[in-house]
């Protein structure tokens, strides 16, 4: 864990500082070592930023259990600033924001989801959360119909499904594709919903939810004229 790493770095840095104070300083070499490169500096900055982000994440847990939501949100934003790849921070922060249930809060939550997707283009978690939020909650905020809210969430859910195909655990992958199928059905896009639930069965045969949805969506096939009943 990164917290363990930063703790070790602090200990080692402290020991090294003490040693430099006590030990005699060696003579400077005739040819000093090569100065750190810009890449070295950037890597060091990234390591320190990630470690501080971890510490703030742990601290946010205290405020969370104390019900100090504004403080939690503020810390989550600091975590995101320090480590833009921290997907869970976007998801948790956006949830606390839209839970305020005001038009401005809904707008801020979507902006934060979009920021997370841009910083983590291969994530399936962030677009999934955003898509489900739009489908389930934005219709209440903007007085959308169920179909309108579903259409707003579909692009995010489609991205989540595409990214989930790249390595998400099987059950998570199936859940993402099922969420897309439900949104397509709510949007009135029946044929696309059928294709999506069939896609679930391709990599997860016997999926109970997909089978149930297909039984409702696919038209019943009647026997032809020349066929026996």
C-alpha atoms as a PDB file:
ATOM      1  CA  UNK A   1       0.000   0.000   0.000  1.00  0.00           C
ATOM      2  CA  UNK A   2       1.205   3.483  -0.772  1.00  0.00           C
ATOM      3  CA  UNK A   3       0.794   4.550   2.887  1.00  0.00           C
ATOM      4  CA  UNK A   4       3.339   1.964   3.949  1.00  0.00           C
ATOM      5  CA  UNK A   5       5.720   3.213   1.295  1.00  0.00           C
ATOM      6  CA  UNK A   6       5.484   6.821   2.379  1.00  0.00           C
ATOM      7  CA  UNK A   7       5.969   5.843   6.027  1.00  0.00           C
ATOM      8  CA  UNK A   8       9.114   3.951   5.095  1.00  0.00           C
ATOM      9  CA  UNK A   9      10.322   6.925   3.056  1.00  0.00           C
ATOM     10  CA  UNK A  10       9.828   9.232   6.038  1.00  0.00           C
ATOM     11  CA  UNK A  11      11.759   6.872   8.312  1.00  0.00           C
ATOM     12  CA  UNK A  12      14.572   6.452   5.833  1.00  0.00           C
ATOM     13  CA  UNK A  13      14.726  10.181   5.135  1.00  0.00           C
ATOM     14  CA  UNK A  14      14.894  10.915   8.861  1.00  0.00           C
ATOM     15  CA  UNK A  15      17.657   8.380   9.396  1.00  0.00           C
ATOM     16  CA  UNK A  16      19.594   9.708   6.445  1.00  0.00           C
ATOM     17  CA  UNK A  17      19.307  13.272   7.749  1.00  0.00           C
ATOM     18  CA  UNK A  18      20.566  12.244  11.159  1.00  0.00           C
ATOM     19  CA  UNK A  19      23.467  10.338   9.632  1.00  0.00           C
ATOM     20  CA  UNK A  20      24.486  13.346   7.572  1.00  0.00           C
ATOM     21  CA  UNK A  21      24.511  15.492  10.710  1.00  0.00           C
ATOM     22  CA  UNK A  22      26.704  13.123  12.709  1.00  0.00           C
ATOM     23  CA  UNK A  23      28.965  11.544  10.092  1.00  0.00           C
ATOM     24  CA  UNK A  24      31.910  13.499   8.663  1.00  0.00           C
ATOM     25  CA  UNK A  25      31.263  14.809   5.191  1.00  0.00           C
ATOM     26  CA  UNK A  26      33.350  13.127   2.488  1.00  0.00           C
ATOM     27  CA  UNK A  27      35.358  15.190   0.078  1.00  0.00           C
ATOM     28  CA  UNK A  28      33.511  16.210  -3.051  1.00  0.00           C
ATOM     29  CA  UNK A  29      34.358  13.968  -6.025  1.00  0.00           C
ATOM     30  CA  UNK A  30      36.216  15.491  -8.912  1.00  0.00           C
ATOM     31  CA  UNK A  31      33.326  14.576 -11.194  1.00  0.00           C
ATOM     32  CA  UNK A  32      29.976  15.080  -9.384  1.00  0.00           C
ATOM     33  CA  UNK A  33      27.110  12.715 -10.101  1.00  0.00           C
ATOM     34  CA  UNK A  34      24.740  13.622 -12.871  1.00  0.00           C
ATOM     35  CA  UNK A  35      21.921  15.934 -11.769  1.00  0.00           C
ATOM     36  CA  UNK A  36      18.391  14.467 -11.594  1.00  0.00           C
ATOM     37  CA  UNK A  37      16.475  14.694 -14.847  1.00  0.00           C
ATOM     38  CA  UNK A  38      13.076  16.308 -15.278  1.00  0.00           C
ATOM     39  CA  UNK A  39      11.570  12.822 -15.484  1.00  0.00           C
ATOM     40  CA  UNK A  40      13.154  11.933 -12.126  1.00  0.00           C
ATOM     41  CA  UNK A  41      11.649  15.054 -10.579  1.00  0.00           C
ATOM     42  CA  UNK A  42       8.215  14.324 -12.042  1.00  0.00           C
ATOM     43  CA  UNK A  43       8.281  10.755 -10.762  1.00  0.00           C
ATOM     44  CA  UNK A  44       9.273  11.925  -7.289  1.00  0.00           C
ATOM     45  CA  UNK A  45       6.503  14.541  -7.296  1.00  0.00           C
ATOM     46  CA  UNK A  46       3.954  11.947  -8.410  1.00  0.00           C
ATOM     47  CA  UNK A  47       5.006   9.534  -5.645  1.00  0.00           C
ATOM     48  CA  UNK A  48       4.743  12.223  -2.963  1.00  0.00           C
ATOM     49  CA  UNK A  49       1.397  13.481  -4.319  1.00  0.00           C
ATOM     50  CA  UNK A  50      -0.080   9.981  -4.325  1.00  0.00           C
ATOM     51  CA  UNK A  51       1.125   9.364  -0.776  1.00  0.00           C
ATOM     52  CA  UNK A  52      -0.405  12.616   0.482  1.00  0.00           C
ATOM     53  CA  UNK A  53      -3.619  11.740  -1.355  1.00  0.00           C
ATOM     54  CA  UNK A  54      -3.724   8.442   0.530  1.00  0.00           C
ATOM     55  CA  UNK A  55      -3.275  10.220   3.851  1.00  0.00           C
ATOM     56  CA  UNK A  56      -6.097  12.658   3.062  1.00  0.00           C
ATOM     57  CA  UNK A  57      -8.301   9.761   1.959  1.00  0.00           C
ATOM     58  CA  UNK A  58      -7.807   8.072   5.309  1.00  0.00           C
ATOM     59  CA  UNK A  59      -8.517  11.345   7.125  1.00  0.00           C
ATOM     60  CA  UNK A  60     -11.751  11.820   5.169  1.00  0.00           C
ATOM     61  CA  UNK A  61     -13.096   8.655   6.781  1.00  0.00           C
ATOM     62  CA  UNK A  62     -13.163  10.437  10.156  1.00  0.00           C
ATOM     63  CA  UNK A  63     -15.288  13.290   8.803  1.00  0.00           C
ATOM     64  CA  UNK A  64     -17.486  10.845   6.905  1.00  0.00           C
ATOM     65  CA  UNK A  65     -18.451   8.940  10.049  1.00  0.00           C
ATOM     66  CA  UNK A  66     -18.952  12.254  11.833  1.00  0.00           C
ATOM     67  CA  UNK A  67     -21.428  13.343   9.184  1.00  0.00           C
ATOM     68  CA  UNK A  68     -19.356  16.395   8.207  1.00  0.00           C
ATOM     69  CA  UNK A  69     -20.172  16.088   4.513  1.00  0.00           C
ATOM     70  CA  UNK A  70     -18.757  19.450   3.409  1.00  0.00           C
ATOM     71  CA  UNK A  71     -15.389  18.554   4.926  1.00  0.00           C
ATOM     72  CA  UNK A  72     -15.461  15.141   3.256  1.00  0.00           C
ATOM     73  CA  UNK A  73     -16.211  16.680  -0.140  1.00  0.00           C
ATOM     74  CA  UNK A  74     -13.426  19.237   0.311  1.00  0.00           C
ATOM     75  CA  UNK A  75     -10.928  16.472   1.137  1.00  0.00           C
ATOM     76  CA  UNK A  76     -12.085  14.362  -1.804  1.00  0.00           C
ATOM     77  CA  UNK A  77     -11.413  17.288  -4.127  1.00  0.00           C
ATOM     78  CA  UNK A  78      -7.898  17.610  -2.662  1.00  0.00           C
ATOM     79  CA  UNK A  79      -7.340  13.886  -3.201  1.00  0.00           C
ATOM     80  CA  UNK A  80      -8.431  14.220  -6.837  1.00  0.00           C
ATOM     81  CA  UNK A  81      -6.155  17.225  -7.368  1.00  0.00           C
ATOM     82  CA  UNK A  82      -3.191  15.258  -6.008  1.00  0.00           C
ATOM     83  CA  UNK A  83      -4.015  11.943  -7.688  1.00  0.00           C
ATOM     84  CA  UNK A  84      -6.300  12.308 -10.734  1.00  0.00           C
ATOM     85  CA  UNK A  85      -6.296   8.516 -11.200  1.00  0.00           C
ATOM     86  CA  UNK A  86      -8.049   7.887  -7.860  1.00  0.00           C
ATOM     87  CA  UNK A  87     -11.349   6.658  -9.370  1.00  0.00           C
ATOM     88  CA  UNK A  88     -13.048   5.942  -6.048  1.00  0.00           C
ATOM     89  CA  UNK A  89     -12.593   9.555  -4.973  1.00  0.00           C
ATOM     90  CA  UNK A  90     -14.592  10.812  -7.974  1.00  0.00           C
ATOM     91  CA  UNK A  91     -17.375   8.315  -7.371  1.00  0.00           C
ATOM     92  CA  UNK A  92     -17.705   8.973  -3.636  1.00  0.00           C
ATOM     93  CA  UNK A  93     -17.419  12.742  -4.009  1.00  0.00           C
ATOM     94  CA  UNK A  94     -20.009  12.932  -6.793  1.00  0.00           C
ATOM     95  CA  UNK A  95     -22.418  10.823  -4.740  1.00  0.00           C
ATOM     96  CA  UNK A  96     -22.165  13.149  -1.738  1.00  0.00           C
ATOM     97  CA  UNK A  97     -22.625  16.159  -4.011  1.00  0.00           C
ATOM     98  CA  UNK A  98     -25.753  15.010  -5.836  1.00  0.00           C
ATOM     99  CA  UNK A  99     -27.219  13.726  -2.579  1.00  0.00           C
ATOM    100  CA  UNK A 100     -27.878  17.396  -1.774  1.00  0.00           C
ATOM    101  CA  UNK A 101     -30.601  17.151  -4.459  1.00  0.00           C
ATOM    102  CA  UNK A 102     -30.362  20.681  -5.794  1.00  0.00           C
ATOM    103  CA  UNK A 103     -30.043  21.702  -9.473  1.00  0.00           C
ATOM    104  CA  UNK A 104     -26.569  23.085  -8.824  1.00  0.00           C
ATOM    105  CA  UNK A 105     -25.508  19.896  -7.038  1.00  0.00           C
ATOM    106  CA  UNK A 106     -26.638  17.728  -9.953  1.00  0.00           C
ATOM    107  CA  UNK A 107     -24.719  19.933 -12.376  1.00  0.00           C
ATOM    108  CA  UNK A 108     -21.581  19.817 -10.227  1.00  0.00           C
ATOM    109  CA  UNK A 109     -21.793  16.035  -9.903  1.00  0.00           C
ATOM    110  CA  UNK A 110     -21.961  15.519 -13.682  1.00  0.00           C
ATOM    111  CA  UNK A 111     -19.014  17.899 -14.158  1.00  0.00           C
ATOM    112  CA  UNK A 112     -17.008  15.871 -11.643  1.00  0.00           C
ATOM    113  CA  UNK A 113     -17.897  12.576 -13.334  1.00  0.00           C
ATOM    114  CA  UNK A 114     -16.801  14.067 -16.673  1.00  0.00           C
ATOM    115  CA  UNK A 115     -13.532  15.205 -15.115  1.00  0.00           C
ATOM    116  CA  UNK A 116     -12.917  11.702 -13.794  1.00  0.00           C
ATOM    117  CA  UNK A 117     -13.667  10.090 -17.156  1.00  0.00           C
ATOM    118  CA  UNK A 118     -11.271  12.445 -18.921  1.00  0.00           C
ATOM    119  CA  UNK A 119      -8.493  11.654 -16.426  1.00  0.00           C
ATOM    120  CA  UNK A 120      -9.255   7.901 -16.488  1.00  0.00           C
ATOM    121  CA  UNK A 121     -10.329   7.075 -20.059  1.00  0.00           C
ATOM    122  CA  UNK A 122     -10.135   3.308 -19.478  1.00  0.00           C
ATOM    123  CA  UNK A 123     -12.239   3.281 -16.303  1.00  0.00           C
ATOM    124  CA  UNK A 124     -15.579   1.511 -16.381  1.00  0.00           C
ATOM    125  CA  UNK A 125     -16.509   2.443 -12.814  1.00  0.00           C
ATOM    126  CA  UNK A 126     -16.812   6.230 -13.275  1.00  0.00           C
ATOM    127  CA  UNK A 127     -18.939   6.204 -16.474  1.00  0.00           C
ATOM    128  CA  UNK A 128     -21.115   3.466 -14.964  1.00  0.00           C
ATOM    129  CA  UNK A 129     -21.813   5.583 -11.885  1.00  0.00           C
ATOM    130  CA  UNK A 130     -22.499   8.648 -14.018  1.00  0.00           C
ATOM    131  CA  UNK A 131     -24.811   6.767 -16.371  1.00  0.00           C
ATOM    132  CA  UNK A 132     -26.812   5.229 -13.548  1.00  0.00           C
ATOM    133  CA  UNK A 133     -27.055   8.593 -11.819  1.00  0.00           C
ATOM    134  CA  UNK A 134     -28.453  10.200 -14.966  1.00  0.00           C
ATOM    135  CA  UNK A 135     -30.932   7.391 -15.586  1.00  0.00           C
ATOM    136  CA  UNK A 136     -32.209   7.250 -12.003  1.00  0.00           C
ATOM    137  CA  UNK A 137     -31.956  10.826 -10.740  1.00  0.00           C
ATOM    138  CA  UNK A 138     -31.590  13.469 -13.441  1.00  0.00           C
ATOM    139  CA  UNK A 139     -35.215  13.093 -14.524  1.00  0.00           C
ATOM    140  CA  UNK A 140     -36.203  14.307 -11.071  1.00  0.00           C
ATOM    141  CA  UNK A 141     -33.780  17.234 -11.172  1.00  0.00           C
ATOM    142  CA  UNK A 142     -34.681  18.449 -14.661  1.00  0.00           C
ATOM    143  CA  UNK A 143     -38.226  17.101 -14.822  1.00  0.00           C
ATOM    144  CA  UNK A 144     -37.220  14.715 -17.584  1.00  0.00           C
ATOM    145  CA  UNK A 145     -39.343  11.815 -18.692  1.00  0.00           C
ATOM    146  CA  UNK A 146     -37.991   8.354 -17.995  1.00  0.00           C
ATOM    147  CA  UNK A 147     -37.038   7.970 -21.655  1.00  0.00           C
ATOM    148  CA  UNK A 148     -35.210  11.314 -21.744  1.00  0.00           C
ATOM    149  CA  UNK A 149     -33.212  10.512 -18.625  1.00  0.00           C
ATOM    150  CA  UNK A 150     -32.314   7.087 -20.022  1.00  0.00           C
ATOM    151  CA  UNK A 151     -31.106   8.638 -23.285  1.00  0.00           C
ATOM    152  CA  UNK A 152     -28.869  11.013 -21.302  1.00  0.00           C
ATOM    153  CA  UNK A 153     -27.276   8.095 -19.472  1.00  0.00           C
ATOM    154  CA  UNK A 154     -26.801   5.746 -22.438  1.00  0.00           C
ATOM    155  CA  UNK A 155     -23.529   7.262 -23.791  1.00  0.00           C
ATOM    156  CA  UNK A 156     -21.907   6.891 -20.372  1.00  0.00           C
ATOM    157  CA  UNK A 157     -23.174   3.346 -19.917  1.00  0.00           C
ATOM    158  CA  UNK A 158     -22.013   2.421 -23.408  1.00  0.00           C
ATOM    159  CA  UNK A 159     -18.512   3.694 -22.572  1.00  0.00           C
ATOM    160  CA  UNK A 160     -18.595   1.767 -19.300  1.00  0.00           C
ATOM    161  CA  UNK A 161     -19.523  -1.429 -21.155  1.00  0.00           C
ATOM    162  CA  UNK A 162     -16.741  -0.960 -23.705  1.00  0.00           C
ATOM    163  CA  UNK A 163     -14.188  -0.427 -20.939  1.00  0.00           C
ATOM    164  CA  UNK A 164     -15.527  -3.318 -18.874  1.00  0.00           C
ATOM    165  CA  UNK A 165     -14.763  -5.609 -21.832  1.00  0.00           C
ATOM    166  CA  UNK A 166     -11.080  -4.793 -21.354  1.00  0.00           C
ATOM    167  CA  UNK A 167     -10.680  -6.719 -18.139  1.00  0.00           C
ATOM    168  CA  UNK A 168     -13.438  -6.215 -15.569  1.00  0.00           C
ATOM    169  CA  UNK A 169     -14.378  -9.305 -13.516  1.00  0.00           C
ATOM    170  CA  UNK A 170     -17.073 -11.379 -15.214  1.00  0.00           C
ATOM    171  CA  UNK A 171     -19.930 -10.481 -12.871  1.00  0.00           C
ATOM    172  CA  UNK A 172     -19.030  -6.782 -12.930  1.00  0.00           C
ATOM    173  CA  UNK A 173     -18.822  -6.901 -16.707  1.00  0.00           C
ATOM    174  CA  UNK A 174     -22.259  -8.514 -16.918  1.00  0.00           C
ATOM    175  CA  UNK A 175     -23.700  -5.945 -14.501  1.00  0.00           C
ATOM    176  CA  UNK A 176     -22.418  -3.064 -16.643  1.00  0.00           C
ATOM    177  CA  UNK A 177     -23.900  -4.488 -19.830  1.00  0.00           C
ATOM    178  CA  UNK A 178     -27.191  -5.215 -18.054  1.00  0.00           C
ATOM    179  CA  UNK A 179     -27.323  -1.580 -16.895  1.00  0.00           C
ATOM    180  CA  UNK A 180     -26.904  -0.484 -20.517  1.00  0.00           C
ATOM    181  CA  UNK A 181     -29.662  -2.857 -21.595  1.00  0.00           C
ATOM    182  CA  UNK A 182     -32.070  -1.508 -18.964  1.00  0.00           C
ATOM    183  CA  UNK A 183     -31.336   2.079 -20.051  1.00  0.00           C
ATOM    184  CA  UNK A 184     -31.947   1.218 -23.704  1.00  0.00           C
ATOM    185  CA  UNK A 185     -35.255  -0.419 -22.778  1.00  0.00           C
ATOM    186  CA  UNK A 186     -36.317   2.647 -20.762  1.00  0.00           C
ATOM    187  CA  UNK A 187     -35.384   4.869 -23.691  1.00  0.00           C
ATOM    188  CA  UNK A 188     -37.680   2.863 -25.943  1.00  0.00           C
ATOM    189  CA  UNK A 189     -34.782   1.465 -28.002  1.00  0.00           C
ATOM    190  CA  UNK A 190     -36.069  -2.095 -27.903  1.00  0.00           C
ATOM    191  CA  UNK A 191     -33.941  -3.602 -30.678  1.00  0.00           C
ATOM    192  CA  UNK A 192     -30.749  -2.180 -29.162  1.00  0.00           C
ATOM    193  CA  UNK A 193     -31.804  -3.482 -25.746  1.00  0.00           C
ATOM    194  CA  UNK A 194     -32.329  -6.967 -27.177  1.00  0.00           C
ATOM    195  CA  UNK A 195     -28.890  -6.919 -28.791  1.00  0.00           C
ATOM    196  CA  UNK A 196     -27.355  -5.769 -25.524  1.00  0.00           C
ATOM    197  CA  UNK A 197     -28.920  -8.500 -23.400  1.00  0.00           C
ATOM    198  CA  UNK A 198     -27.891 -11.061 -26.024  1.00  0.00           C
ATOM    199  CA  UNK A 199     -24.372  -9.673 -25.723  1.00  0.00           C
ATOM    200  CA  UNK A 200     -24.493 -10.482 -22.010  1.00  0.00           C
ATOM    201  CA  UNK A 201     -25.364 -14.100 -22.828  1.00  0.00           C
ATOM    202  CA  UNK A 202     -22.400 -14.335 -25.202  1.00  0.00           C
ATOM    203  CA  UNK A 203     -19.884 -14.038 -22.381  1.00  0.00           C
ATOM    204  CA  UNK A 204     -22.122 -15.040 -19.465  1.00  0.00           C
ATOM    205  CA  UNK A 205     -24.433 -17.841 -20.673  1.00  0.00           C
ATOM    206  CA  UNK A 206     -27.394 -18.467 -18.410  1.00  0.00           C
ATOM    207  CA  UNK A 207     -27.466 -14.904 -17.030  1.00  0.00           C
ATOM    208  CA  UNK A 208     -30.872 -14.883 -15.311  1.00  0.00           C
ATOM    209  CA  UNK A 209     -31.515 -11.152 -15.700  1.00  0.00           C
ATOM    210  CA  UNK A 210     -30.640 -11.103 -19.398  1.00  0.00           C
ATOM    211  CA  UNK A 211     -32.826 -14.150 -20.066  1.00  0.00           C
ATOM    212  CA  UNK A 212     -35.756 -12.589 -18.213  1.00  0.00           C
ATOM    213  CA  UNK A 213     -35.446  -9.294 -20.084  1.00  0.00           C
ATOM    214  CA  UNK A 214     -35.202 -11.037 -23.444  1.00  0.00           C
ATOM    215  CA  UNK A 215     -38.326 -13.058 -22.700  1.00  0.00           C
ATOM    216  CA  UNK A 216     -40.204  -9.761 -22.257  1.00  0.00           C
ATOM    217  CA  UNK A 217     -38.616  -7.851 -25.119  1.00  0.00           C
ATOM    218  CA  UNK A 218     -38.466 -10.385 -27.937  1.00  0.00           C
ATOM    219  CA  UNK A 219     -41.746 -10.935 -29.801  1.00  0.00           C
ATOM    220  CA  UNK A 220     -43.246 -14.369 -29.417  1.00  0.00           C
ATOM    221  CA  UNK A 221     -42.666 -16.461 -32.542  1.00  0.00           C
ATOM    222  CA  UNK A 222     -45.859 -17.974 -33.905  1.00  0.00           C
ATOM    223  CA  UNK A 223     -45.708 -21.219 -35.963  1.00  0.00           C
ATOM    224  CA  UNK A 224     -45.883 -20.930 -39.765  1.00  0.00           C
ATOM    225  CA  UNK A 225     -48.851 -22.092 -41.842  1.00  0.00           C
ATOM    226  CA  UNK A 226     -47.370 -25.395 -42.848  1.00  0.00           C
ATOM    227  CA  UNK A 227     -45.955 -26.257 -39.457  1.00  0.00           C
ATOM    228  CA  UNK A 228     -47.599 -28.648 -37.069  1.00  0.00           C
ATOM    229  CA  UNK A 229     -48.669 -27.301 -33.729  1.00  0.00           C
END
